[in-house]
C-alpha atoms as a PDB file:
ATOM      1  CA  MET A   1      55.563 142.815 105.584  1.00  0.00           C
ATOM      2  CA  ASN A   2      57.777 139.740 105.574  1.00  0.00           C
ATOM      3  CA  LEU A   3      57.664 137.859 108.867  1.00  0.00           C
ATOM      4  CA  GLY A   4      60.548 135.556 107.993  1.00  0.00           C
ATOM      5  CA  PHE A   5      60.398 132.104 106.489  1.00  0.00           C
ATOM      6  CA  ASN A   6      60.128 128.492 107.517  1.00  0.00           C
ATOM      7  CA  PHE A   7      60.786 125.279 105.709  1.00  0.00           C
ATOM      8  CA  TYR A   8      58.137 122.830 104.590  1.00  0.00           C
ATOM      9  CA  LEU A   9      58.949 119.214 103.778  1.00  0.00           C
ATOM     10  CA  VAL A  10      56.742 117.318 101.330  1.00  0.00           C
ATOM     11  CA  LEU A  11      57.050 113.563 101.823  1.00  0.00           C
ATOM     12  CA  ASP A  12      55.839 110.518  99.950  1.00  0.00           C
ATOM     13  CA  GLY A  13      53.435 108.833 102.364  1.00  0.00           C
ATOM     14  CA  ASN A  14      55.631 108.533 105.449  1.00  0.00           C
ATOM     15  CA  GLY A  15      54.706 111.817 107.118  1.00  0.00           C
ATOM     16  CA  GLN A  16      53.474 110.262 110.375  1.00  0.00           C
ATOM     17  CA  GLU A  17      56.738 108.363 110.717  1.00  0.00           C
ATOM     18  CA  ALA A  18      58.677 111.564 110.019  1.00  0.00           C
ATOM     19  CA  VAL A  19      56.763 113.492 112.696  1.00  0.00           C
ATOM     20  CA  ASN A  20      57.624 110.823 115.275  1.00  0.00           C
ATOM     21  CA  PHE A  21      61.231 110.610 114.099  1.00  0.00           C
ATOM     22  CA  TYR A  22      61.813 114.378 114.261  1.00  0.00           C
ATOM     23  CA  GLU A  23      60.017 114.627 117.605  1.00  0.00           C
ATOM     24  CA  ASN A  24      62.362 112.034 119.111  1.00  0.00           C
ATOM     25  CA  THR A  25      65.574 112.871 117.263  1.00  0.00           C
ATOM     26  CA  LEU A  26      65.400 116.675 117.292  1.00  0.00           C
ATOM     27  CA  ASP A  27      63.382 117.082 120.512  1.00  0.00           C
ATOM     28  CA  ALA A  28      60.724 118.734 118.356  1.00  0.00           C
ATOM     29  CA  GLU A  29      57.516 119.953 119.922  1.00  0.00           C
ATOM     30  CA  ILE A  30      54.477 118.859 117.914  1.00  0.00           C
ATOM     31  CA  VAL A  31      52.221 121.880 117.529  1.00  0.00           C
ATOM     32  CA  THR A  32      49.680 120.406 115.089  1.00  0.00           C
ATOM     33  CA  VAL A  33      49.178 117.228 113.080  1.00  0.00           C
ATOM     34  CA  VAL A  34      46.209 116.981 110.706  1.00  0.00           C
ATOM     35  CA  LEU A  35      45.627 113.627 109.005  1.00  0.00           C
ATOM     36  CA  ASP A  36      43.548 112.891 105.929  1.00  0.00           C
ATOM     37  CA  ASP A  37      40.123 111.265 106.317  1.00  0.00           C
ATOM     38  CA  ALA A  38      41.607 107.765 106.073  1.00  0.00           C
ATOM     39  CA  LYS A  39      44.157 108.623 108.805  1.00  0.00           C
ATOM     40  CA  GLU A  40      46.934 107.462 106.469  1.00  0.00           C
ATOM     41  CA  ARG A  41      48.593 110.643 105.252  1.00  0.00           C
ATOM     42  CA  VAL A  42      49.589 113.876 106.931  1.00  0.00           C
ATOM     43  CA  GLN A  43      47.713 116.821 105.448  1.00  0.00           C
ATOM     44  CA  HIS A  44      49.698 119.251 107.553  1.00  0.00           C
ATOM     45  CA  ALA A  45      52.054 119.022 110.521  1.00  0.00           C
ATOM     46  CA  HIS A  46      53.634 121.905 112.392  1.00  0.00           C
ATOM     47  CA  LEU A  47      56.640 121.208 114.597  1.00  0.00           C
ATOM     48  CA  LYS A  48      58.875 123.488 116.610  1.00  0.00           C
ATOM     49  CA  VAL A  49      62.566 122.970 117.338  1.00  0.00           C
ATOM     50  CA  GLY A  50      63.865 125.675 119.642  1.00  0.00           C
ATOM     51  CA  ASN A  51      62.678 128.935 118.087  1.00  0.00           C
ATOM     52  CA  THR A  52      62.283 127.444 114.625  1.00  0.00           C
ATOM     53  CA  ASP A  53      58.956 126.363 113.196  1.00  0.00           C
ATOM     54  CA  PHE A  54      58.869 123.805 110.452  1.00  0.00           C
ATOM     55  CA  MET A  55      56.064 122.051 108.678  1.00  0.00           C
ATOM     56  CA  LEU A  56      55.608 118.913 106.663  1.00  0.00           C
ATOM     57  CA  SER A  57      52.954 116.972 104.825  1.00  0.00           C
ATOM     58  CA  ASP A  58      52.596 113.989 102.576  1.00  0.00           C
ATOM     59  CA  GLU A  59      51.878 114.502  98.914  1.00  0.00           C
ATOM     60  CA  LEU A  60      48.120 114.328  98.685  1.00  0.00           C
ATOM     61  CA  PRO A  61      46.434 113.200  95.470  1.00  0.00           C
ATOM     62  CA  PRO A  62      45.686 114.683  93.056  1.00  0.00           C
ATOM     63  CA  ASN A  63      48.439 117.216  93.858  1.00  0.00           C
ATOM     64  CA  LYS A  64      51.972 116.282  92.917  1.00  0.00           C
ATOM     65  CA  ILE A  65      54.624 118.675  94.116  1.00  0.00           C
ATOM     66  CA  LYS A  66      57.829 118.303  92.187  1.00  0.00           C
ATOM     67  CA  SER A  67      60.281 120.121  94.402  1.00  0.00           C
ATOM     68  CA  SER A  68      64.027 120.332  94.443  1.00  0.00           C
ATOM     69  CA  GLN A  69      65.834 118.864  97.412  1.00  0.00           C
ATOM     70  CA  VAL A  70      66.913 121.370 100.022  1.00  0.00           C
ATOM     71  CA  THR A  71      69.742 120.944 102.501  1.00  0.00           C
ATOM     72  CA  LEU A  72      68.872 122.098 106.012  1.00  0.00           C
ATOM     73  CA  TYR A  73      71.368 123.628 108.419  1.00  0.00           C
ATOM     74  CA  MET A  74      70.904 122.929 112.116  1.00  0.00           C
ATOM     75  CA  PRO A  75      73.101 124.635 114.712  1.00  0.00           C
ATOM     76  CA  LEU A  76      73.367 122.690 117.968  1.00  0.00           C
ATOM     77  CA  LYS A  77      74.493 123.816 121.410  1.00  0.00           C
ATOM     78  CA  ASP A  78      77.173 121.204 121.963  1.00  0.00           C
ATOM     79  CA  ALA A  79      79.101 118.401 120.334  1.00  0.00           C
ATOM     80  CA  GLU A  80      77.482 115.679 122.439  1.00  0.00           C
ATOM     81  CA  LYS A  81      74.005 116.641 121.206  1.00  0.00           C
ATOM     82  CA  ALA A  82      75.311 116.714 117.648  1.00  0.00           C
ATOM     83  CA  LYS A  83      76.557 113.153 118.037  1.00  0.00           C
ATOM     84  CA  GLU A  84      73.119 112.066 119.365  1.00  0.00           C
ATOM     85  CA  VAL A  85      71.302 113.592 116.398  1.00  0.00           C
ATOM     86  CA  PHE A  86      73.894 112.465 113.853  1.00  0.00           C
ATOM     87  CA  GLY A  87      72.461 109.409 112.133  1.00  0.00           C
ATOM     88  CA  GLY A  88      71.349 108.205 108.743  1.00  0.00           C
ATOM     89  CA  GLN A  89      73.484 108.026 105.646  1.00  0.00           C
ATOM     90  CA  ILE A  90      76.714 109.869 106.337  1.00  0.00           C
ATOM     91  CA  VAL A  91      77.623 112.392 103.668  1.00  0.00           C
ATOM     92  CA  SER A  92      80.471 113.952 105.647  1.00  0.00           C
ATOM     93  CA  PRO A  93      81.556 112.392 108.968  1.00  0.00           C
ATOM     94  CA  MET A  94      81.207 114.289 112.227  1.00  0.00           C
ATOM     95  CA  GLN A  95      84.534 115.999 112.775  1.00  0.00           C
ATOM     96  CA  GLU A  96      86.254 119.031 114.185  1.00  0.00           C
ATOM     97  CA  THR A  97      86.678 121.882 111.695  1.00  0.00           C
ATOM     98  CA  PRO A  98      88.205 125.374 111.944  1.00  0.00           C
ATOM     99  CA  TRP A  99      84.694 126.753 112.565  1.00  0.00           C
ATOM    100  CA  SER A 100      83.232 124.001 114.749  1.00  0.00           C
ATOM    101  CA  PRO A 101      84.226 121.331 117.263  1.00  0.00           C
ATOM    102  CA  ALA A 102      81.622 119.018 115.677  1.00  0.00           C
ATOM    103  CA  HIS A 103      80.440 119.390 112.087  1.00  0.00           C
ATOM    104  CA  GLY A 104      78.923 116.742 109.832  1.00  0.00           C
ATOM    105  CA  VAL A 105      76.400 116.106 107.080  1.00  0.00           C
ATOM    106  CA  VAL A 106      73.838 113.296 106.981  1.00  0.00           C
ATOM    107  CA  THR A 107      70.866 112.317 104.872  1.00  0.00           C
ATOM    108  CA  ASP A 108      68.023 110.971 106.975  1.00  0.00           C
ATOM    109  CA  ARG A 109      65.757 108.084 106.019  1.00  0.00           C
ATOM    110  CA  PHE A 110      63.306 110.509 104.412  1.00  0.00           C
ATOM    111  CA  GLY A 111      65.911 111.773 101.941  1.00  0.00           C
ATOM    112  CA  VAL A 112      66.450 115.097 103.709  1.00  0.00           C
ATOM    113  CA  THR A 113      70.070 116.241 103.980  1.00  0.00           C
ATOM    114  CA  TRP A 114      71.053 117.947 107.236  1.00  0.00           C
ATOM    115  CA  ILE A 115      74.205 119.939 108.008  1.00  0.00           C
ATOM    116  CA  LEU A 116      74.831 119.669 111.763  1.00  0.00           C
ATOM    117  CA  ASN A 117      77.156 122.174 113.333  1.00  0.00           C
ATOM    118  CA  THR A 118      78.096 123.172 116.893  1.00  0.00           C
ATOM    119  CA  ARG A 119      79.758 126.236 118.286  1.00  0.00           C
ATOM    120  CA  ASN A 120      80.906 124.724 121.608  1.00  0.00           C
END
């Protein structure tokens, strides 16, 4: 039985920084962080934002994961919160659209593209 799906980010050595960044920027709850023996790379991290679980890790030698970039969609409760989260390289500026009072697209410093959208 399918229980749904979550996303998993694979980063290039800056996993600990990403955990801290997402904790502060997205108000993520850190559920688990497991570091490698040298305490340099994240073997596995589990974070929770609202009702959504997401995971990340660093690439760990000898494994090399060649994955395609995924764009993540994040609905937010209000436009003010969207403006707080909106940062990084702007792909599409935060603006009012027919479907949202605040909609924008950014790429964060880890190369992950986020679509931010509000309903209120």
